[in-house]
C-alpha atoms as a PDB file:
ATOM      1  CA  MET A   1     101.613  53.452 112.623  1.00  0.00           C
ATOM      2  CA  ARG A   2     100.028  50.029 112.747  1.00  0.00           C
ATOM      3  CA  PHE A   3     100.009  46.951 110.538  1.00  0.00           C
ATOM      4  CA  ALA A   4      98.631  43.610 111.699  1.00  0.00           C
ATOM      5  CA  ASP A   5     100.514  42.927 114.904  1.00  0.00           C
ATOM      6  CA  ASP A   6     103.355  45.398 114.312  1.00  0.00           C
ATOM      7  CA  ILE A   7     102.970  48.754 116.008  1.00  0.00           C
ATOM      8  CA  VAL A   8     105.370  51.692 116.046  1.00  0.00           C
ATOM      9  CA  LEU A   9     105.105  54.440 118.641  1.00  0.00           C
ATOM     10  CA  ILE A  10     106.907  57.686 117.860  1.00  0.00           C
ATOM     11  CA  GLY A  11     107.419  60.334 120.511  1.00  0.00           C
ATOM     12  CA  SER A  12     109.585  63.290 121.351  1.00  0.00           C
ATOM     13  CA  ASN A  13     110.669  61.992 124.771  1.00  0.00           C
ATOM     14  CA  VAL A  14     110.689  58.878 126.963  1.00  0.00           C
ATOM     15  CA  GLU A  15     107.750  60.009 129.095  1.00  0.00           C
ATOM     16  CA  GLU A  16     105.564  60.412 126.016  1.00  0.00           C
ATOM     17  CA  ILE A  17     106.496  56.945 124.718  1.00  0.00           C
ATOM     18  CA  VAL A  18     105.875  55.326 128.120  1.00  0.00           C
ATOM     19  CA  ALA A  19     102.465  57.008 128.385  1.00  0.00           C
ATOM     20  CA  MET A  20     101.489  55.867 124.872  1.00  0.00           C
ATOM     21  CA  ALA A  21     102.731  52.320 125.497  1.00  0.00           C
ATOM     22  CA  GLU A  22     100.898  52.021 128.802  1.00  0.00           C
ATOM     23  CA  GLU A  23      97.694  53.356 127.226  1.00  0.00           C
ATOM     24  CA  LEU A  24      98.102  50.859 124.387  1.00  0.00           C
ATOM     25  CA  LEU A  25      98.547  47.986 126.867  1.00  0.00           C
ATOM     26  CA  VAL A  26      95.435  49.048 128.801  1.00  0.00           C
ATOM     27  CA  GLU A  27      93.374  49.187 125.588  1.00  0.00           C
ATOM     28  CA  CYS A  28      94.743  45.804 124.494  1.00  0.00           C
ATOM     29  CA  ALA A  29      93.762  44.283 127.834  1.00  0.00           C
ATOM     30  CA  ARG A  30      90.228  45.708 127.484  1.00  0.00           C
ATOM     31  CA  ARG A  31      89.941  43.732 124.245  1.00  0.00           C
ATOM     32  CA  SER A  32      91.533  40.565 125.655  1.00  0.00           C
ATOM     33  CA  LEU A  33      94.761  41.144 123.726  1.00  0.00           C
ATOM     34  CA  GLU A  34      98.223  40.948 125.196  1.00  0.00           C
ATOM     35  CA  ALA A  35     101.481  42.506 124.039  1.00  0.00           C
ATOM     36  CA  ASN A  36     104.592  40.353 124.135  1.00  0.00           C
ATOM     37  CA  MET A  37     106.988  42.541 126.090  1.00  0.00           C
ATOM     38  CA  PHE A  38     109.887  40.168 125.340  1.00  0.00           C
ATOM     39  CA  LYS A  39     109.500  40.870 121.606  1.00  0.00           C
ATOM     40  CA  THR A  40     109.109  44.601 122.211  1.00  0.00           C
ATOM     41  CA  LYS A  41     112.151  46.637 121.133  1.00  0.00           C
ATOM     42  CA  TYR A  42     112.963  50.310 120.942  1.00  0.00           C
ATOM     43  CA  MET A  43     115.276  52.657 119.098  1.00  0.00           C
ATOM     44  CA  SER A  44     116.370  56.119 120.131  1.00  0.00           C
ATOM     45  CA  ASN A  45     118.656  58.797 118.788  1.00  0.00           C
ATOM     46  CA  ASN A  46     119.529  59.645 122.425  1.00  0.00           C
ATOM     47  CA  ARG A  47     122.395  57.447 123.665  1.00  0.00           C
ATOM     48  CA  GLU A  48     121.464  57.873 127.318  1.00  0.00           C
ATOM     49  CA  THR A  49     117.845  56.755 127.008  1.00  0.00           C
ATOM     50  CA  GLU A  50     116.587  53.705 128.877  1.00  0.00           C
ATOM     51  CA  LEU A  51     112.974  52.587 128.477  1.00  0.00           C
ATOM     52  CA  THR A  52     110.929  50.784 131.144  1.00  0.00           C
ATOM     53  CA  ILE A  53     107.261  50.014 130.606  1.00  0.00           C
ATOM     54  CA  LEU A  54     105.219  48.502 133.439  1.00  0.00           C
ATOM     55  CA  ASN A  55     108.387  47.525 135.308  1.00  0.00           C
ATOM     56  CA  THR A  56     109.818  45.780 132.237  1.00  0.00           C
ATOM     57  CA  LEU A  57     113.108  47.039 130.811  1.00  0.00           C
ATOM     58  CA  ILE A  58     112.711  47.182 127.020  1.00  0.00           C
ATOM     59  CA  GLU A  59     115.625  46.020 124.856  1.00  0.00           C
ATOM     60  CA  ARG A  60     117.348  48.764 122.863  1.00  0.00           C
ATOM     61  CA  VAL A  61     118.351  47.944 119.274  1.00  0.00           C
ATOM     62  CA  GLN A  62     120.456  49.823 116.730  1.00  0.00           C
ATOM     63  CA  GLU A  63     118.458  48.647 113.727  1.00  0.00           C
ATOM     64  CA  TYR A  64     115.130  46.959 113.213  1.00  0.00           C
ATOM     65  CA  LEU A  65     113.369  45.236 110.323  1.00  0.00           C
ATOM     66  CA  TYR A  66     109.870  46.715 110.150  1.00  0.00           C
ATOM     67  CA  LEU A  67     107.480  45.524 107.447  1.00  0.00           C
ATOM     68  CA  GLY A  68     110.410  44.417 105.300  1.00  0.00           C
ATOM     69  CA  ARG A  69     112.365  47.659 105.624  1.00  0.00           C
ATOM     70  CA  MET A  70     115.541  48.006 107.669  1.00  0.00           C
ATOM     71  CA  ILE A  71     115.399  51.063 109.920  1.00  0.00           C
ATOM     72  CA  SER A  72     118.595  52.389 111.502  1.00  0.00           C
ATOM     73  CA  PHE A  73     119.698  55.668 113.065  1.00  0.00           C
ATOM     74  CA  SER A  74     123.392  54.932 112.681  1.00  0.00           C
ATOM     75  CA  GLU A  75     123.525  53.497 109.160  1.00  0.00           C
ATOM     76  CA  GLY A  76     120.896  55.658 107.477  1.00  0.00           C
ATOM     77  CA  MET A  77     119.834  54.146 104.145  1.00  0.00           C
ATOM     78  CA  ASP A  78     123.068  52.156 103.662  1.00  0.00           C
ATOM     79  CA  LEU A  79     121.800  49.239 105.741  1.00  0.00           C
ATOM     80  CA  GLU A  80     118.452  49.230 103.920  1.00  0.00           C
ATOM     81  CA  LEU A  81     120.141  49.287 100.497  1.00  0.00           C
ATOM     82  CA  THR A  82     122.462  46.430 101.498  1.00  0.00           C
ATOM     83  CA  ASN A  83     119.470  44.453 102.735  1.00  0.00           C
ATOM     84  CA  ARG A  84     117.567  45.014  99.473  1.00  0.00           C
ATOM     85  CA  ARG A  85     120.584  44.030  97.336  1.00  0.00           C
ATOM     86  CA  GLU A  86     121.031  40.824  99.328  1.00  0.00           C
ATOM     87  CA  ARG A  87     117.348  39.912  98.902  1.00  0.00           C
ATOM     88  CA  ALA A  88     117.473  40.697  95.164  1.00  0.00           C
ATOM     89  CA  TRP A  89     120.559  38.505  94.595  1.00  0.00           C
ATOM     90  CA  LYS A  90     119.046  35.718  96.668  1.00  0.00           C
ATOM     91  CA  LYS A  91     115.908  35.827  94.506  1.00  0.00           C
ATOM     92  CA  PHE A  92     117.980  35.992  91.312  1.00  0.00           C
ATOM     93  CA  TRP A  93     120.016  32.910  92.260  1.00  0.00           C
ATOM     94  CA  SER A  94     116.869  31.022  93.267  1.00  0.00           C
ATOM     95  CA  LEU A  95     115.788  31.395  89.603  1.00  0.00           C
ATOM     96  CA  LYS A  96     119.179  30.336  88.219  1.00  0.00           C
ATOM     97  CA  GLY A  97     117.689  27.176  86.691  1.00  0.00           C
ATOM     98  CA  ILE A  98     115.260  29.259  84.649  1.00  0.00           C
ATOM     99  CA  PHE A  99     117.828  31.823  83.514  1.00  0.00           C
ATOM    100  CA  LYS A 100     120.378  29.161  82.537  1.00  0.00           C
ATOM    101  CA  GLY A 101     117.773  26.758  81.135  1.00  0.00           C
ATOM    102  CA  GLN A 102     116.572  26.071  77.593  1.00  0.00           C
ATOM    103  CA  MET A 103     113.634  28.519  77.674  1.00  0.00           C
ATOM    104  CA  SER A 104     113.401  31.153  74.985  1.00  0.00           C
ATOM    105  CA  LEU A 105     114.759  34.609  75.712  1.00  0.00           C
ATOM    106  CA  GLU A 106     111.201  36.023  75.585  1.00  0.00           C
ATOM    107  CA  ALA A 107     110.043  33.539  78.264  1.00  0.00           C
ATOM    108  CA  LYS A 108     113.068  34.394  80.444  1.00  0.00           C
ATOM    109  CA  ILE A 109     112.292  38.100  80.110  1.00  0.00           C
ATOM    110  CA  THR A 110     108.688  37.423  81.136  1.00  0.00           C
ATOM    111  CA  VAL A 111     109.914  35.593  84.250  1.00  0.00           C
END
């Protein structure tokens, strides 16, 4: 999956992921693009997995925000739902002045 500069590689084993990542880096280099290996992260449902690409050890994370959605093996959808609730309340309170203001109810509903 790809969006702008965010790319997700999904594979069934470490060797497959390493091969895809190395191929991606070669193709990027052919087009004068460079991947930031320090920003590169990985997740795995295998606790023993370690990932090294081109002699760089890739940081393992338990959850990751990808295109605004929290992805986590351990928390399932709970982490994503918590994240969405927090963003919704933050947005609600940023509009507190409008909701508590002198506008008509119809205008508040429109907002």
